[in-house]
Amino acid sequence: MTNTDLRIDHQGDIAIIRLTRPAKRNALNDGLILALRDAFQNLPDTVRAAVIDGEGPHFCAGLDLSELSERDAGAGLRHSRMWHDALESIQHGPVPVVAALHGAVVGGGLELASACHIRVADASTFYALPEGSRGIFVGGGGSVRIPRLIGVARMTDMMMTGRVYNAEDGERVGFAQYLVAEGAALDKAVELAQRIATNAPLTNYALMHALPRIADQPADHGYFTEALMAGIAQDAPEAKARVRAFLEGKAAKVAKG
């Protein structure tokens, strides 16, 4: 990893992957997208969960338009597929990923956030998709991932009208699962990542890789995939040890939150 716009820190078995272009509101260029891809494809085996954060007051303001070059249709298609490959390495990569959102989560920044498995937003967060007003279309997987969070109608409205969602409304419609005080997103995201890292790795893998695919399958296919995954997960030695500990009264029971 040599890209100066991305930094990786480790807290035990948690990797904190931080965009470090605050002067550009952490806008994404090709080098940063490829650095994200490489970071997730080369995480050490000791990492059990990851957090994506943005340095400064903004998570990510989207595509760095100052570096946008004119492309013909073929080059544009290949460029979009490069983004798809990079963000796929996050969504279907080796470990669960929590996004710590604050400030601008705009355009490609929202596409990046939507590739994460859990999103924590602080009170400064706002969401937008300005591509419609700029004569372009999302190209980083947003047309697939974002409607799964908020629905097709809301995404259409955002792109057609330029609507901006604030932190509270964004949490209400589904952009984030957690809403915290301004400045607290990273701490909450790390707390959640640490909790996730204690899960059995095969269970986390099933949630990352099987659950979204089951959601896209016809019901009878989904039931079969679920049965296969359930059988594989419960056969893992760690799963057997955890169930045995529960039956012996050595594991905590679920309590009211």
Protein backbone atom coordinates (compact mmCIF):
# COMPACT_ATOMS: atom_id res chain seq x y z
CA MET A 1 0.00 0.00 0.00
CA THR A 2 1.72 3.19 -1.19
CA ASN A 3 -1.24 5.50 -1.82
CA THR A 4 -0.91 8.50 0.51
CA ASP A 5 -4.67 9.13 0.33
CA LEU A 6 -5.45 5.97 2.31
CA ARG A 7 -4.20 4.92 5.72
CA ILE A 8 -4.70 1.60 7.51
CA ASP A 9 -4.42 1.33 11.28
CA HIS A 10 -4.99 -1.73 13.44
CA GLN A 11 -6.68 -1.99 16.82
CA GLY A 12 -6.27 -5.62 17.77
CA ASP A 13 -8.20 -7.63 15.19
CA ILE A 14 -9.93 -4.51 13.76
CA ALA A 15 -8.59 -2.67 10.69
CA ILE A 16 -9.46 1.02 10.44
CA ILE A 17 -9.21 2.11 6.81
CA ARG A 18 -9.27 5.89 6.50
CA LEU A 19 -9.62 8.12 3.44
CA THR A 20 -7.04 10.88 3.91
CA ARG A 21 -7.89 13.60 1.38
CA PRO A 22 -9.59 16.12 3.71
CA ALA A 23 -8.71 19.08 1.51
CA LYS A 24 -10.75 17.40 -1.25
CA ARG A 25 -13.51 16.30 1.16
CA ASN A 26 -12.11 12.77 0.59
CA ALA A 27 -13.31 12.76 -3.01
CA LEU A 28 -12.52 9.53 -4.83
CA ASN A 29 -10.10 9.31 -7.71
CA ASP A 30 -9.01 6.17 -9.52
CA GLY A 31 -5.89 5.77 -7.40
CA LEU A 32 -7.92 5.85 -4.19
CA ILE A 33 -10.50 3.39 -5.52
CA LEU A 34 -7.74 0.97 -6.51
CA ALA A 35 -6.08 1.46 -3.11
CA LEU A 36 -9.35 0.50 -1.40
CA ARG A 37 -9.58 -2.60 -3.57
CA ASP A 38 -6.01 -3.58 -2.76
CA ALA A 39 -6.50 -2.91 0.95
CA PHE A 40 -9.41 -5.33 1.23
CA GLN A 41 -7.88 -7.95 -1.02
CA ASN A 42 -4.72 -7.98 1.11
CA LEU A 43 -6.01 -7.74 4.67
CA PRO A 44 -3.98 -9.90 7.08
CA ASP A 45 -5.65 -13.10 8.22
CA THR A 46 -5.63 -11.74 11.77
CA VAL A 47 -8.20 -9.05 10.88
CA ARG A 48 -11.75 -10.04 11.83
CA ALA A 49 -13.65 -6.82 10.96
CA ALA A 50 -12.97 -3.42 9.40
CA VAL A 51 -14.10 0.19 9.70
CA ILE A 52 -14.04 2.74 6.86
CA ASP A 53 -13.70 6.37 7.95
CA GLY A 54 -12.92 9.70 6.34
CA GLU A 55 -10.38 12.16 7.74
CA GLY A 56 -11.66 15.66 8.45
CA PRO A 57 -15.24 16.92 8.51
CA HIS A 58 -16.53 14.75 5.64
CA PHE A 59 -16.74 11.02 4.99
CA CYS A 60 -16.59 11.29 1.19
CA ALA A 61 -17.95 13.89 -1.23
CA GLY A 62 -17.99 11.51 -4.19
CA LEU A 63 -16.07 11.40 -7.44
CA ASP A 64 -13.22 13.87 -7.80
CA LEU A 65 -14.60 15.75 -10.81
CA SER A 66 -11.35 17.70 -11.20
CA GLU A 67 -9.76 14.46 -12.37
CA LEU A 68 -12.65 13.37 -14.54
CA SER A 69 -11.49 12.86 -18.11
CA GLU A 70 -13.60 12.55 -21.20
CA ARG A 71 -14.16 8.94 -22.19
CA ASP A 72 -15.87 7.20 -25.03
CA ALA A 73 -18.59 4.67 -24.22
CA GLY A 74 -16.21 1.72 -24.07
CA ALA A 75 -13.76 3.48 -21.75
CA GLY A 76 -16.64 4.64 -19.56
CA LEU A 77 -17.94 1.08 -19.29
CA ARG A 78 -14.51 -0.24 -18.30
CA HIS A 79 -14.07 2.56 -15.75
CA SER A 80 -17.41 1.74 -14.13
CA ARG A 81 -16.53 -1.95 -14.00
CA MET A 82 -13.26 -1.07 -12.25
CA TRP A 83 -15.30 0.65 -9.51
CA HIS A 84 -17.60 -2.37 -9.35
CA ASP A 85 -14.63 -4.66 -8.81
CA ALA A 86 -13.22 -2.43 -6.05
CA LEU A 87 -16.47 -2.03 -4.12
CA GLU A 88 -17.27 -5.72 -4.56
CA SER A 89 -14.05 -6.43 -2.66
CA ILE A 90 -15.61 -4.54 0.26
CA GLN A 91 -19.15 -5.96 0.18
CA HIS A 92 -18.09 -9.52 -0.59
CA GLY A 93 -14.59 -9.35 0.84
CA PRO A 94 -12.98 -11.24 3.70
CA VAL A 95 -14.47 -9.41 6.72
CA PRO A 96 -17.54 -7.41 7.76
CA VAL A 97 -17.17 -3.66 7.23
CA VAL A 98 -18.70 -0.82 9.27
CA ALA A 99 -18.81 2.69 7.77
CA ALA A 100 -18.35 5.69 10.09
CA LEU A 101 -20.31 8.43 8.32
CA HIS A 102 -20.08 12.16 8.93
CA GLY A 103 -20.50 15.28 6.85
CA ALA A 104 -20.87 14.68 3.12
CA VAL A 105 -21.86 11.18 1.99
CA VAL A 106 -22.43 12.18 -1.60
CA GLY A 107 -22.38 10.48 -5.01
CA GLY A 108 -19.56 7.97 -5.08
CA GLY A 109 -19.21 8.41 -1.32
CA LEU A 110 -22.73 7.09 -0.91
CA GLU A 111 -21.89 4.23 -3.27
CA LEU A 112 -18.89 3.42 -1.08
CA ALA A 113 -21.00 3.57 2.09
CA SER A 114 -23.66 1.32 0.55
CA ALA A 115 -21.03 -1.37 -0.10
CA CYS A 116 -20.39 -1.61 3.65
CA HIS A 117 -22.43 -3.97 5.82
CA ILE A 118 -23.35 -1.57 8.63
CA ARG A 119 -23.47 2.23 8.55
CA VAL A 120 -23.15 4.53 11.57
CA ALA A 121 -23.98 8.18 10.90
CA ASP A 122 -23.35 11.13 13.16
CA ALA A 123 -25.57 14.20 13.35
CA SER A 124 -23.51 16.12 10.76
CA THR A 125 -24.15 13.55 8.01
CA PHE A 126 -26.01 14.40 4.80
CA TYR A 127 -26.70 12.28 1.73
CA ALA A 128 -27.04 13.31 -1.92
CA LEU A 129 -26.78 11.95 -5.46
CA PRO A 130 -25.96 14.98 -7.65
CA GLU A 131 -25.15 12.93 -10.75
CA GLY A 132 -28.55 13.70 -12.26
CA SER A 133 -27.90 17.45 -12.31
CA ARG A 134 -24.43 16.91 -13.78
CA GLY A 135 -25.64 14.94 -16.77
CA ILE A 136 -24.09 11.66 -15.63
CA PHE A 137 -25.28 8.45 -14.00
CA VAL A 138 -24.04 6.50 -11.01
CA GLY A 139 -21.30 4.07 -12.02
CA GLY A 140 -19.98 2.53 -8.82
CA GLY A 141 -22.80 0.08 -8.14
CA GLY A 142 -25.16 2.67 -6.67
CA SER A 143 -28.08 1.74 -8.91
CA VAL A 144 -27.99 -1.76 -7.40
CA ARG A 145 -27.02 -1.13 -3.77
CA ILE A 146 -28.75 2.15 -2.90
CA PRO A 147 -32.30 1.07 -3.87
CA ARG A 148 -31.82 -1.94 -1.59
CA LEU A 149 -31.35 0.53 1.26
CA ILE A 150 -34.01 3.15 0.48
CA GLY A 151 -36.06 1.90 -2.50
CA VAL A 152 -36.10 2.83 -6.19
CA ALA A 153 -38.57 5.71 -5.78
CA ARG A 154 -36.45 7.56 -3.23
CA MET A 155 -33.27 7.14 -5.27
CA THR A 156 -35.10 8.36 -8.39
CA ASP A 157 -36.29 11.42 -6.48
CA MET A 158 -32.77 12.18 -5.23
CA MET A 159 -31.25 12.00 -8.70
CA MET A 160 -34.06 13.84 -10.49
CA THR A 161 -34.59 16.66 -8.01
CA GLY A 162 -31.27 16.91 -6.19
CA ARG A 163 -32.93 16.14 -2.86
CA VAL A 164 -30.55 16.04 0.11
CA TYR A 165 -31.29 13.94 3.19
CA ASN A 166 -30.05 15.08 6.57
CA ALA A 167 -28.79 12.66 9.22
CA GLU A 168 -32.14 12.08 10.94
CA ASP A 169 -34.15 11.63 7.76
CA GLY A 170 -31.38 9.47 6.28
CA GLU A 171 -31.49 7.12 9.25
CA ARG A 172 -35.27 6.98 9.03
CA VAL A 173 -35.33 5.94 5.36
CA GLY A 174 -32.53 3.38 5.72
CA PHE A 175 -29.18 4.94 4.80
CA ALA A 176 -27.78 4.18 8.27
CA GLN A 177 -28.63 1.69 10.97
CA TYR A 178 -27.24 3.86 13.77
CA LEU A 179 -27.43 7.61 14.42
CA VAL A 180 -25.10 9.12 17.03
CA ALA A 181 -24.03 12.54 18.22
CA GLU A 182 -21.71 14.61 16.04
CA GLY A 183 -18.16 13.32 16.30
CA ALA A 184 -19.15 9.95 17.73
CA ALA A 185 -19.48 7.87 14.54
CA LEU A 186 -15.97 6.43 14.55
CA ASP A 187 -16.09 5.33 18.19
CA LYS A 188 -19.46 3.65 17.63
CA ALA A 189 -18.27 2.00 14.42
CA VAL A 190 -15.18 0.61 16.17
CA GLU A 191 -17.36 -0.63 19.05
CA LEU A 192 -19.61 -2.46 16.61
CA ALA A 193 -16.65 -3.87 14.66
CA GLN A 194 -15.15 -5.20 17.88
CA ARG A 195 -18.44 -6.89 18.73
CA ILE A 196 -18.73 -8.33 15.21
CA ALA A 197 -15.16 -9.66 15.42
CA THR A 198 -16.19 -11.92 18.31
CA ASN A 199 -18.67 -13.80 16.11
CA ALA A 200 -17.79 -17.13 14.58
CA PRO A 201 -16.04 -16.31 11.29
CA LEU A 202 -18.22 -18.69 9.29
CA THR A 203 -21.38 -17.01 10.60
CA ASN A 204 -20.05 -13.61 9.55
CA TYR A 205 -19.16 -15.07 6.17
CA ALA A 206 -22.69 -16.39 5.73
CA LEU A 207 -24.17 -13.00 6.61
CA MET A 208 -21.89 -11.21 4.14
CA HIS A 209 -22.03 -13.64 1.24
CA ALA A 210 -25.12 -15.83 1.56
CA LEU A 211 -27.76 -13.50 3.05
CA PRO A 212 -27.78 -10.89 0.23
CA ARG A 213 -27.85 -13.63 -2.39
CA ILE A 214 -30.72 -15.40 -0.63
CA ALA A 215 -32.63 -12.11 -0.70
CA ASP A 216 -32.28 -12.07 -4.51
CA GLN A 217 -33.34 -15.69 -5.03
CA PRO A 218 -36.81 -17.12 -5.52
CA ALA A 219 -38.17 -18.39 -2.21
CA ASP A 220 -37.60 -22.08 -2.92
CA HIS A 221 -34.00 -21.42 -3.97
CA GLY A 222 -33.50 -19.22 -0.93
CA TYR A 223 -34.74 -21.89 1.44
CA PHE A 224 -32.35 -24.41 -0.08
CA THR A 225 -29.39 -22.02 0.09
CA GLU A 226 -30.29 -21.25 3.70
CA ALA A 227 -30.37 -24.97 4.55
CA LEU A 228 -26.96 -25.51 2.96
CA MET A 229 -25.45 -22.55 4.81
CA ALA A 230 -27.05 -23.57 8.12
CA GLY A 231 -25.65 -27.08 7.79
CA ILE A 232 -22.17 -25.84 6.96
CA ALA A 233 -22.12 -23.21 9.74
CA GLN A 234 -23.28 -25.51 12.52
CA ASP A 235 -20.70 -28.12 11.55
CA ALA A 236 -17.82 -25.75 12.32
CA PRO A 237 -15.92 -26.68 15.51
CA GLU A 238 -16.29 -23.14 16.87
CA ALA A 239 -20.08 -23.28 16.42
CA LYS A 240 -20.27 -26.59 18.26
CA ALA A 241 -18.18 -25.17 21.11
CA ARG A 242 -20.40 -22.09 21.39
CA VAL A 243 -23.62 -24.12 21.45
CA ARG A 244 -22.14 -26.46 24.04
CA ALA A 245 -21.15 -23.48 26.22
CA PHE A 246 -24.69 -22.11 26.02
CA LEU A 247 -26.24 -25.46 26.96
CA GLU A 248 -23.87 -25.71 29.90
CA GLY A 249 -24.86 -22.26 31.13
CA LYS A 250 -21.46 -20.75 30.35
CA ALA A 251 -22.66 -18.27 27.71
CA ALA A 252 -24.63 -15.07 28.21
CA LYS A 253 -28.35 -15.18 27.40
CA VAL A 254 -30.10 -12.55 25.30
CA ALA A 255 -31.33 -9.70 27.46
CA LYS A 256 -33.64 -6.80 26.79
CA GLY A 257 -31.75 -3.92 25.18
